[in-house]
Amino acid sequence: MNGDQHIGEPLLTPAEVAATFRVDPKTVTRWAKAGKLTSIRTLGGHRRYRKAEIRALLGLHEE
């Protein structure tokens, strides 16, 4: 995935996504590996998740 298409887009850490869904951060990582969530890798190799995608999964809409 090309990281340039996500410049300026709000991203969440695994801990933030985990808190949203009330699960462990390791569960969020497993969801990403299983293809249930789209993850973006930082230059340091850490996963980040698109806020818009997480809100959509929750049934919320960006305004």
N, C-alpha and C. Protein backbone atom coordinates (compact mmCIF):
# COMPACT_ATOMS: atom_id res chain seq x y z
N MET A 1 0.84 -1.18 0.00
CA MET A 1 0.00 0.00 0.00
C MET A 1 0.88 1.23 0.00
N ASN A 2 0.53 2.18 -0.80
CA ASN A 2 1.31 3.40 -0.92
C ASN A 2 0.98 4.35 0.23
N GLY A 3 1.95 4.65 1.07
CA GLY A 3 1.74 5.51 2.22
C GLY A 3 1.41 6.94 1.85
N ASP A 4 1.75 7.38 0.61
CA ASP A 4 1.49 8.76 0.21
C ASP A 4 0.00 9.08 0.14
N GLN A 5 -0.84 8.10 -0.10
CA GLN A 5 -2.25 8.40 -0.22
C GLN A 5 -2.90 8.66 1.13
N HIS A 6 -2.19 8.51 2.23
CA HIS A 6 -2.76 8.70 3.56
C HIS A 6 -2.20 9.92 4.27
N ILE A 7 -1.47 10.77 3.57
CA ILE A 7 -0.89 11.95 4.19
C ILE A 7 -2.01 12.86 4.68
N GLY A 8 -1.92 13.25 5.95
CA GLY A 8 -2.90 14.15 6.54
C GLY A 8 -4.13 13.45 7.08
N GLU A 9 -4.27 12.16 6.82
CA GLU A 9 -5.42 11.42 7.31
C GLU A 9 -5.19 11.03 8.77
N PRO A 10 -6.20 11.20 9.64
CA PRO A 10 -6.02 10.83 11.05
C PRO A 10 -5.80 9.32 11.20
N LEU A 11 -4.77 8.97 11.95
CA LEU A 11 -4.45 7.56 12.19
C LEU A 11 -4.52 7.27 13.68
N LEU A 12 -4.83 6.04 14.01
CA LEU A 12 -4.92 5.60 15.40
C LEU A 12 -3.89 4.53 15.68
N THR A 13 -3.43 4.49 16.91
CA THR A 13 -2.50 3.45 17.35
C THR A 13 -3.30 2.19 17.66
N PRO A 14 -2.62 1.04 17.76
CA PRO A 14 -3.33 -0.18 18.16
C PRO A 14 -4.01 -0.03 19.52
N ALA A 15 -3.38 0.68 20.44
CA ALA A 15 -3.98 0.87 21.78
C ALA A 15 -5.27 1.69 21.69
N GLU A 16 -5.28 2.70 20.83
CA GLU A 16 -6.49 3.52 20.66
C GLU A 16 -7.62 2.71 20.05
N VAL A 17 -7.30 1.90 19.06
CA VAL A 17 -8.32 1.04 18.44
C VAL A 17 -8.81 0.01 19.46
N ALA A 18 -7.90 -0.56 20.20
CA ALA A 18 -8.27 -1.56 21.22
C ALA A 18 -9.21 -0.95 22.26
N ALA A 19 -8.92 0.26 22.69
CA ALA A 19 -9.78 0.92 23.68
C ALA A 19 -11.18 1.16 23.10
N THR A 20 -11.23 1.49 21.83
CA THR A 20 -12.51 1.74 21.16
C THR A 20 -13.37 0.49 21.15
N PHE A 21 -12.75 -0.66 20.86
CA PHE A 21 -13.49 -1.91 20.77
C PHE A 21 -13.47 -2.71 22.08
N ARG A 22 -12.76 -2.17 23.09
CA ARG A 22 -12.64 -2.83 24.40
C ARG A 22 -12.04 -4.23 24.28
N VAL A 23 -10.94 -4.29 23.54
CA VAL A 23 -10.18 -5.54 23.39
C VAL A 23 -8.72 -5.26 23.67
N ASP A 24 -7.91 -6.28 23.70
CA ASP A 24 -6.47 -6.14 23.90
C ASP A 24 -5.82 -5.66 22.60
N PRO A 25 -4.77 -4.84 22.69
CA PRO A 25 -4.07 -4.41 21.46
C PRO A 25 -3.58 -5.57 20.59
N LYS A 26 -3.23 -6.69 21.20
CA LYS A 26 -2.80 -7.85 20.41
C LYS A 26 -3.94 -8.37 19.53
N THR A 27 -5.18 -8.23 20.00
CA THR A 27 -6.33 -8.63 19.20
C THR A 27 -6.44 -7.76 17.96
N VAL A 28 -6.19 -6.46 18.10
CA VAL A 28 -6.23 -5.55 16.96
C VAL A 28 -5.18 -5.96 15.93
N THR A 29 -3.99 -6.32 16.40
CA THR A 29 -2.93 -6.78 15.49
C THR A 29 -3.36 -8.05 14.77
N ARG A 30 -4.00 -8.97 15.48
CA ARG A 30 -4.49 -10.20 14.84
C ARG A 30 -5.54 -9.89 13.78
N TRP A 31 -6.42 -8.93 14.08
CA TRP A 31 -7.43 -8.54 13.09
C TRP A 31 -6.77 -8.01 11.83
N ALA A 32 -5.71 -7.22 12.01
CA ALA A 32 -5.00 -6.65 10.84
C ALA A 32 -4.33 -7.76 10.04
N LYS A 33 -3.70 -8.70 10.73
CA LYS A 33 -3.04 -9.81 10.03
C LYS A 33 -4.05 -10.68 9.29
N ALA A 34 -5.28 -10.78 9.83
CA ALA A 34 -6.33 -11.58 9.21
C ALA A 34 -7.05 -10.82 8.09
N GLY A 35 -6.72 -9.54 7.91
CA GLY A 35 -7.33 -8.75 6.86
C GLY A 35 -8.64 -8.10 7.25
N LYS A 36 -9.00 -8.16 8.52
CA LYS A 36 -10.25 -7.55 8.98
C LYS A 36 -10.13 -6.03 9.12
N LEU A 37 -8.91 -5.55 9.32
CA LEU A 37 -8.62 -4.12 9.41
C LEU A 37 -7.47 -3.81 8.47
N THR A 38 -7.48 -2.61 7.92
CA THR A 38 -6.37 -2.16 7.09
C THR A 38 -5.36 -1.46 7.99
N SER A 39 -4.13 -1.92 7.95
CA SER A 39 -3.09 -1.26 8.75
C SER A 39 -2.09 -0.58 7.83
N ILE A 40 -1.54 0.50 8.34
CA ILE A 40 -0.50 1.26 7.65
C ILE A 40 0.73 1.16 8.53
N ARG A 41 1.86 0.91 7.93
CA ARG A 41 3.10 0.80 8.69
C ARG A 41 3.84 2.13 8.70
N THR A 42 4.31 2.53 9.89
CA THR A 42 5.13 3.73 10.00
C THR A 42 6.54 3.40 9.54
N LEU A 43 7.38 4.41 9.42
CA LEU A 43 8.77 4.16 9.04
C LEU A 43 9.46 3.26 10.06
N GLY A 44 9.04 3.33 11.31
CA GLY A 44 9.62 2.49 12.35
C GLY A 44 9.03 1.09 12.41
N GLY A 45 8.05 0.80 11.54
CA GLY A 45 7.46 -0.54 11.49
C GLY A 45 6.25 -0.73 12.37
N HIS A 46 5.76 0.33 12.99
CA HIS A 46 4.58 0.22 13.85
C HIS A 46 3.32 0.32 13.02
N ARG A 47 2.28 -0.35 13.48
CA ARG A 47 1.00 -0.32 12.77
C ARG A 47 0.18 0.89 13.19
N ARG A 48 -0.51 1.46 12.22
CA ARG A 48 -1.47 2.53 12.47
C ARG A 48 -2.72 2.20 11.67
N TYR A 49 -3.86 2.68 12.15
CA TYR A 49 -5.14 2.36 11.55
C TYR A 49 -5.89 3.63 11.19
N ARG A 50 -6.55 3.62 10.04
CA ARG A 50 -7.29 4.80 9.58
C ARG A 50 -8.49 5.04 10.48
N LYS A 51 -8.58 6.25 11.03
CA LYS A 51 -9.67 6.61 11.92
C LYS A 51 -11.02 6.47 11.21
N ALA A 52 -11.08 6.86 9.95
CA ALA A 52 -12.33 6.78 9.20
C ALA A 52 -12.82 5.33 9.08
N GLU A 53 -11.89 4.40 8.88
CA GLU A 53 -12.27 2.99 8.77
C GLU A 53 -12.81 2.47 10.11
N ILE A 54 -12.16 2.84 11.20
CA ILE A 54 -12.61 2.39 12.52
C ILE A 54 -13.98 2.96 12.83
N ARG A 55 -14.18 4.24 12.54
CA ARG A 55 -15.49 4.87 12.77
C ARG A 55 -16.56 4.20 11.91
N ALA A 56 -16.22 3.84 10.69
CA ALA A 56 -17.19 3.18 9.81
C ALA A 56 -17.59 1.80 10.38
N LEU A 57 -16.61 1.09 10.93
CA LEU A 57 -16.90 -0.22 11.54
C LEU A 57 -17.84 -0.07 12.75
N LEU A 58 -17.72 1.06 13.41
CA LEU A 58 -18.59 1.33 14.57
C LEU A 58 -19.95 1.88 14.16
N GLY A 59 -20.11 2.16 12.87
CA GLY A 59 -21.36 2.72 12.39
C GLY A 59 -21.43 4.24 12.56
N LEU A 60 -20.29 4.87 12.80
CA LEU A 60 -20.24 6.32 12.94
C LEU A 60 -19.79 6.92 11.62
N HIS A 61 -20.14 8.15 11.38
CA HIS A 61 -19.77 8.82 10.13
C HIS A 61 -18.94 10.04 10.43
N GLU A 62 -17.90 10.26 9.61
CA GLU A 62 -17.06 11.44 9.73
C GLU A 62 -17.86 12.66 9.31
N GLU A 63 -17.72 13.75 10.04
CA GLU A 63 -18.41 14.98 9.68
C GLU A 63 -17.43 16.08 9.48
